[in-house]
Structures are given as C-alpha cells and as structure tokens.
Amino acid sequence: MKNNLPSLQAYKQQYVTAKSLGAAMLACNAVLVPEGFESLYVLIQNFQRPMVTNNDAADVDYARGLQGHVAGVPKTSFESQWTMIETEAGIIAAFAEKVVNQYGGILPSAKVYDGFVDDGGGIKGQREYEILDLAVTFADGGGEIDSASRSQILQVQAGCRYMYFGNEGSLGASGSSEDIFANILSSALNNLGGLTPQSSSNSTVIYG
C-alpha cells in the first residue's frame, strides 16, 4: 500500500519558502531592559514580547437572527508575568523596594530587544519595542525558600501591567530604513522650498 505523502520536490519548495521568511526565532533571543535598571536584563528569564493587537471583537445581532461581529479597538494595556533570578546580593529584592519607594510602583519605561546583532558592548537587537508605565508587583513575595533544594536557583515571580502603542506609536521610533521624525522634517522642508538632505554628521542632517 502506498502512502499519499508530499514529494521531495514539494518539500524543497516548502523549504525554499521557509528560508525566504527567515530562520525560526529562538525563544531566548530577546532581553527586557527596564529604564534605570539597565543591568537587570541578565536576571530576567521570562517575560512577554510586545505585539500589536486588538481587543476582543464585539458581537452584532442584526434583524431576523443574523449574527455578525466587528473588530475591537486597538489594545494598549497589556499584562505580563516575569521570572527573575535572585542573587546573593539581593538585587531583585532591592529592585522591588526601589519600584515602590522611588517610583511609586510604576516604572516609566522599558525596552525589549529581540534578534541578536553583534558582540558589541551595547545592547542591540534587530527590533526594539518600547513599553510604558510598568506597574510591577511581586505577589508571591521574594521567592520560595526550600531547605531541601540544594541544586536549584532562587527565582522570583512578578506581574507587570504595561502600556504598548507599537513601533509606529512613538514619534522618532526607527522604521525599516529611515527615522519617522526625519521623514516628517524632510516632507515639511520640501513643501516650503524643495530643500533636500545634502550631508549628515553625528546624527545631524544638513539641508540645502
């Protein structure tokens, strides 16, 4: 009996298509960098990668029993769970205390970088996401102590509510090739007198 399976040619075509879409992203290839606590990213094991989406669709009941739906408004408030590694220096406990005492429970912003770029000293990624007004809570305390656990690290769970408006929601956010603010400025100058960028130096663009 012969099975009805894809041919080698079909597999090759599928493989070529997969290569054109890019390599599969590893789940570990991203970091979360809280503003003011930039070194903390090495201790944040798990978090949610931001993504633009809508709220739940709304049901619509028309006459004669016809049922439909409409899309919800864009979602801006999100919730994530963090897993953090505590150190013998008590870094996570100190972080939790600063969030309450210095920031009133709300961190101003954080950046998520995904896609490894190079071995340089700075934190870089192929994509950058800015999340705002992070309400961080440690509902389970500072981690569960177990006197019988001699080969496990101490992990701390935290909940985080945050605002996210997408990469196009911030003026000056980097796009695929040019800066949004630079595009707006170029358009304004062209409307005034047809000026175009002539040269640039140290992030300064000269028009003429």
Protein backbone atom coordinates (compact mmCIF):
# COMPACT_ATOMS: atom_id res chain seq x y z
CA MET A 1 0.00 0.00 0.00
CA LYS A 2 1.39 3.39 -0.98
CA ASN A 3 1.03 6.36 1.34
CA ASN A 4 -0.05 9.68 -0.13
CA LEU A 5 2.86 11.82 1.13
CA PRO A 6 4.49 15.03 -0.16
CA SER A 7 7.20 14.51 -2.74
CA LEU A 8 10.81 15.60 -2.34
CA GLN A 9 10.11 18.39 -4.82
CA ALA A 10 7.25 19.63 -2.67
CA TYR A 11 9.47 19.54 0.41
CA LYS A 12 12.17 21.51 -1.43
CA GLN A 13 9.67 24.18 -2.47
CA GLN A 14 8.40 24.39 1.11
CA TYR A 15 11.98 24.66 2.39
CA VAL A 16 12.82 27.48 -0.03
CA THR A 17 9.68 29.32 1.08
CA ALA A 18 10.65 28.85 4.74
CA LYS A 19 14.14 30.24 4.05
CA SER A 20 12.66 33.33 2.40
CA LEU A 21 10.66 34.03 5.57
CA GLY A 22 13.76 33.94 7.77
CA ALA A 23 15.16 31.49 10.29
CA ALA A 24 12.95 30.44 13.17
CA MET A 25 13.45 32.77 16.14
CA LEU A 26 14.76 31.21 19.32
CA ALA A 27 12.61 31.91 22.38
CA CYS A 28 15.71 33.00 24.33
CA ASN A 29 16.82 35.60 21.77
CA ALA A 30 15.35 38.70 23.43
CA VAL A 31 16.01 40.83 26.50
CA LEU A 32 13.94 43.18 28.67
CA VAL A 33 15.79 46.31 29.84
CA PRO A 34 13.97 48.41 32.48
CA GLU A 35 14.80 52.13 32.43
CA GLY A 36 17.11 52.97 35.31
CA PHE A 37 17.95 49.28 35.86
CA GLU A 38 19.75 48.52 32.61
CA SER A 39 21.95 45.75 34.07
CA LEU A 40 18.92 43.87 35.37
CA TYR A 41 18.18 42.34 31.96
CA VAL A 42 20.60 39.47 32.61
CA LEU A 43 18.42 38.32 35.55
CA ILE A 44 15.03 38.45 33.77
CA GLN A 45 14.42 34.94 32.47
CA ASN A 46 10.83 35.09 31.25
CA PHE A 47 8.63 37.93 30.04
CA GLN A 48 6.10 38.71 27.34
CA ARG A 49 7.26 40.04 23.99
CA PRO A 50 5.09 43.03 22.99
CA MET A 51 2.85 42.74 19.95
CA VAL A 52 0.17 44.99 18.49
CA THR A 53 -3.33 43.54 18.55
CA ASN A 54 -6.97 44.49 19.00
CA ASN A 55 -9.28 43.96 21.93
CA ASP A 56 -11.87 41.21 21.60
CA ALA A 57 -14.29 41.61 18.74
CA ALA A 58 -17.82 42.79 19.56
CA ASP A 59 -20.84 40.69 18.61
CA VAL A 60 -23.54 42.30 16.50
CA ASP A 61 -27.08 40.87 16.37
CA TYR A 62 -28.98 42.01 13.30
CA ALA A 63 -32.64 41.56 12.43
CA ARG A 64 -34.02 38.12 11.63
CA GLY A 65 -31.37 36.38 13.71
CA LEU A 66 -28.34 37.36 11.63
CA GLN A 67 -25.25 37.36 13.82
CA GLY A 68 -22.02 39.17 12.98
CA HIS A 69 -19.07 40.85 14.63
CA VAL A 70 -16.89 43.94 14.38
CA ALA A 71 -13.25 44.35 15.32
CA GLY A 72 -12.43 45.76 18.73
CA VAL A 73 -10.36 48.90 19.25
CA PRO A 74 -6.55 48.52 19.35
CA LYS A 75 -5.33 47.11 22.64
CA THR A 76 -2.98 49.39 24.59
CA SER A 77 -2.92 47.93 28.12
CA PHE A 78 -1.20 44.55 28.49
CA GLU A 79 -0.27 42.15 31.27
CA SER A 80 2.84 40.00 31.56
CA GLN A 81 4.44 37.61 34.02
CA TRP A 82 8.15 37.88 34.78
CA THR A 83 10.51 35.27 36.18
CA MET A 84 13.63 36.77 37.72
CA ILE A 85 16.77 35.24 39.23
CA GLU A 86 17.60 36.42 42.72
CA THR A 87 21.27 36.84 43.62
CA GLU A 88 23.12 36.52 46.90
CA ALA A 89 23.44 40.31 46.85
CA GLY A 90 19.62 40.59 46.94
CA ILE A 91 19.40 42.53 43.66
CA ILE A 92 15.77 41.62 42.96
CA ALA A 93 14.65 42.48 46.50
CA ALA A 94 16.40 45.86 46.18
CA PHE A 95 14.76 46.39 42.80
CA ALA A 96 11.30 45.66 44.21
CA GLU A 97 11.87 48.12 47.06
CA LYS A 98 13.02 50.87 44.68
CA VAL A 99 9.97 50.35 42.48
CA VAL A 100 7.76 51.11 45.49
CA ASN A 101 9.76 53.81 47.26
CA GLN A 102 11.30 55.73 44.35
CA TYR A 103 8.81 55.16 41.53
CA GLY A 104 5.52 54.75 43.37
CA GLY A 105 5.02 51.31 41.87
CA ILE A 106 5.21 52.49 38.24
CA LEU A 107 8.41 52.29 36.18
CA PRO A 108 8.40 54.95 33.44
CA SER A 109 9.52 52.71 30.59
CA ALA A 110 11.46 49.68 29.46
CA LYS A 111 12.86 48.42 26.16
CA VAL A 112 12.58 44.96 24.68
CA TYR A 113 15.20 43.98 22.11
CA ASP A 114 14.93 40.83 20.03
CA GLY A 115 17.15 39.41 17.34
CA PHE A 116 20.85 39.20 18.20
CA VAL A 117 23.01 41.68 16.25
CA ASP A 118 26.68 41.54 17.30
CA ASP A 119 29.11 41.10 20.16
CA GLY A 120 29.41 44.82 20.88
CA GLY A 121 29.24 46.25 24.36
CA GLY A 122 25.85 47.92 23.84
CA ILE A 123 22.52 46.09 23.98
CA LYS A 124 21.26 45.82 20.42
CA GLY A 125 18.63 43.93 18.52
CA GLN A 126 17.10 43.71 15.09
CA ARG A 127 13.88 45.07 16.58
CA GLU A 128 13.17 47.39 19.50
CA TYR A 129 9.93 47.74 21.46
CA GLU A 130 9.19 50.48 23.99
CA ILE A 131 6.72 49.72 26.78
CA LEU A 132 5.49 52.43 29.13
CA ASP A 133 4.17 52.83 32.69
CA LEU A 134 5.09 49.41 34.01
CA ALA A 135 3.15 48.52 37.17
CA VAL A 136 5.34 45.79 38.68
CA THR A 137 4.02 43.68 41.58
CA PHE A 138 5.62 40.78 43.43
CA ALA A 139 2.50 38.94 44.55
CA ASP A 140 4.29 35.81 45.80
CA GLY A 141 6.94 37.65 47.78
CA GLY A 142 10.64 37.18 47.28
CA GLY A 143 10.64 33.60 46.08
CA GLU A 144 10.04 30.24 47.73
CA ILE A 145 12.77 29.02 50.07
CA ASP A 146 13.24 25.24 50.27
CA SER A 147 15.82 23.89 52.68
CA ALA A 148 15.89 20.59 50.78
CA SER A 149 16.65 22.22 47.41
CA ARG A 150 20.43 22.18 47.09
CA SER A 151 20.76 22.41 43.32
CA GLN A 152 18.09 24.93 42.32
CA ILE A 153 18.44 28.69 41.98
CA LEU A 154 16.03 31.05 43.71
CA GLN A 155 13.52 32.50 41.26
CA VAL A 156 11.10 35.34 41.90
CA GLN A 157 7.78 35.79 40.09
CA ALA A 158 6.43 39.24 39.28
CA GLY A 159 3.37 40.55 37.48
CA CYS A 160 3.59 43.56 35.19
CA ARG A 161 0.87 45.72 33.64
CA TYR A 162 2.19 47.99 30.90
CA MET A 163 1.18 50.23 28.01
CA TYR A 164 2.29 49.47 24.46
CA PHE A 165 1.45 51.51 21.36
CA GLY A 166 3.52 49.71 18.74
CA ASN A 167 6.59 50.85 16.88
CA GLU A 168 4.58 53.43 14.94
CA GLY A 169 3.07 54.94 18.07
CA SER A 170 6.19 56.92 19.01
CA LEU A 171 7.50 59.84 17.01
CA GLY A 172 11.13 59.18 16.26
CA ALA A 173 10.91 55.41 16.51
CA SER A 174 13.14 53.68 13.99
CA GLY A 175 11.34 52.26 10.99
CA SER A 176 12.54 49.88 8.32
CA SER A 177 15.02 52.30 6.81
CA GLU A 178 14.55 55.91 7.98
CA ASP A 179 13.63 57.73 11.12
CA ILE A 180 10.00 58.83 11.33
CA PHE A 181 10.91 62.29 12.59
CA ALA A 182 13.41 62.74 9.75
CA ASN A 183 10.71 61.80 7.24
CA ILE A 184 8.33 64.39 8.66
CA LEU A 185 11.04 67.07 8.65
CA SER A 186 12.07 66.29 5.09
CA SER A 187 8.46 66.48 3.96
CA ALA A 188 7.98 69.86 5.65
CA LEU A 189 11.15 71.30 4.13
CA ASN A 190 10.23 70.05 0.67
CA ASN A 191 6.83 71.72 0.93
CA LEU A 192 8.48 75.01 1.92
CA GLY A 193 11.20 75.24 -0.65
CA GLY A 194 12.17 71.91 -2.05
CA LEU A 195 15.18 71.54 0.26
CA THR A 196 16.71 68.07 0.38
CA PRO A 197 19.26 66.42 2.68
CA GLN A 198 22.80 67.12 1.45
CA SER A 199 25.00 65.57 4.13
CA SER A 200 24.96 64.30 7.68
CA SER A 201 27.41 64.22 10.57
CA ASN A 202 26.97 62.86 14.10
CA SER A 203 23.21 62.35 13.64
CA THR A 204 22.86 65.93 12.30
CA VAL A 205 21.31 66.27 8.82
CA ILE A 206 22.27 69.32 6.71
CA TYR A 207 19.71 70.51 4.14
CA GLY A 208 20.29 72.70 1.10
